[in-house]
Amino acid sequence: KCRVCECNPNYTGSACDCSLDTSSCMAANGQICNGRGVCECGVCKCTD
């Protein structure tokens, strides 16, 4: 496709710069973002 990035597995975004890997968002209790948000591009985004 012209002018459209085809991302490698585990990456997304218009420039394929957003990782789908959630390991950096994993809390010690085993919950993503300690159960208080979502993991976007490897960073927790709080929902409260």
C-alpha atoms as a PDB file:
ATOM      1  CA  LYS A   1       0.000   0.000   0.000  1.00  0.00           C
ATOM      2  CA  CYS A   2       1.284   3.452  -0.813  1.00  0.00           C
ATOM      3  CA  ARG A   3       1.900   5.846   2.072  1.00  0.00           C
ATOM      4  CA  VAL A   4       0.565   3.394   4.652  1.00  0.00           C
ATOM      5  CA  CYS A   5       2.880   1.735   7.161  1.00  0.00           C
ATOM      6  CA  GLU A   6       2.620  -2.024   7.481  1.00  0.00           C
ATOM      7  CA  CYS A   7       3.578  -2.583  11.092  1.00  0.00           C
ATOM      8  CA  ASN A   8       5.619  -5.457  12.439  1.00  0.00           C
ATOM      9  CA  PRO A   9       3.766  -7.771  14.828  1.00  0.00           C
ATOM     10  CA  ASN A  10       3.190  -6.199  18.260  1.00  0.00           C
ATOM     11  CA  TYR A  11       3.300  -2.624  16.912  1.00  0.00           C
ATOM     12  CA  THR A  12       0.522  -0.297  15.804  1.00  0.00           C
ATOM     13  CA  GLY A  13      -0.091   3.352  15.048  1.00  0.00           C
ATOM     14  CA  SER A  14       0.283   5.556  11.998  1.00  0.00           C
ATOM     15  CA  ALA A  15       4.087   5.328  12.259  1.00  0.00           C
ATOM     16  CA  CYS A  16       4.193   1.840  13.858  1.00  0.00           C
ATOM     17  CA  ASP A  17       5.621   3.469  16.983  1.00  0.00           C
ATOM     18  CA  CYS A  18       3.115   2.122  19.502  1.00  0.00           C
ATOM     19  CA  SER A  19       4.000  -1.186  21.148  1.00  0.00           C
ATOM     20  CA  LEU A  20       1.181  -3.609  21.927  1.00  0.00           C
ATOM     21  CA  ASP A  21       3.373  -5.274  24.585  1.00  0.00           C
ATOM     22  CA  THR A  22       1.824  -4.774  28.022  1.00  0.00           C
ATOM     23  CA  SER A  23       4.735  -6.084  30.134  1.00  0.00           C
ATOM     24  CA  SER A  24       5.837  -2.537  31.046  1.00  0.00           C
ATOM     25  CA  CYS A  25       2.340  -1.909  32.462  1.00  0.00           C
ATOM     26  CA  MET A  26       2.244  -5.031  34.627  1.00  0.00           C
ATOM     27  CA  ALA A  27       2.027  -4.342  38.362  1.00  0.00           C
ATOM     28  CA  ALA A  28       3.586  -6.551  41.031  1.00  0.00           C
ATOM     29  CA  ASN A  29       0.140  -8.008  41.760  1.00  0.00           C
ATOM     30  CA  GLY A  30      -0.122  -9.290  38.176  1.00  0.00           C
ATOM     31  CA  GLN A  31      -2.741  -6.785  37.064  1.00  0.00           C
ATOM     32  CA  ILE A  32      -2.244  -4.415  34.161  1.00  0.00           C
ATOM     33  CA  CYS A  33      -1.867  -0.860  35.498  1.00  0.00           C
ATOM     34  CA  ASN A  34      -2.730  -2.168  38.962  1.00  0.00           C
ATOM     35  CA  GLY A  35      -6.336  -2.515  37.801  1.00  0.00           C
ATOM     36  CA  ARG A  36      -6.739   1.273  37.599  1.00  0.00           C
ATOM     37  CA  GLY A  37      -6.326   1.968  33.908  1.00  0.00           C
ATOM     38  CA  VAL A  38      -5.343   0.682  30.503  1.00  0.00           C
ATOM     39  CA  CYS A  39      -1.998   0.116  28.850  1.00  0.00           C
ATOM     40  CA  GLU A  40      -1.527   2.279  25.744  1.00  0.00           C
ATOM     41  CA  CYS A  41       1.768   2.155  23.865  1.00  0.00           C
ATOM     42  CA  GLY A  42       3.483   0.599  26.884  1.00  0.00           C
ATOM     43  CA  VAL A  43       2.311   3.319  29.301  1.00  0.00           C
ATOM     44  CA  CYS A  44      -0.503   3.184  31.850  1.00  0.00           C
ATOM     45  CA  LYS A  45      -3.377   5.601  31.315  1.00  0.00           C
ATOM     46  CA  CYS A  46      -5.466   5.961  34.467  1.00  0.00           C
ATOM     47  CA  THR A  47      -9.242   5.808  34.191  1.00  0.00           C
ATOM     48  CA  ASP A  48     -10.165   7.550  37.441  1.00  0.00           C
END
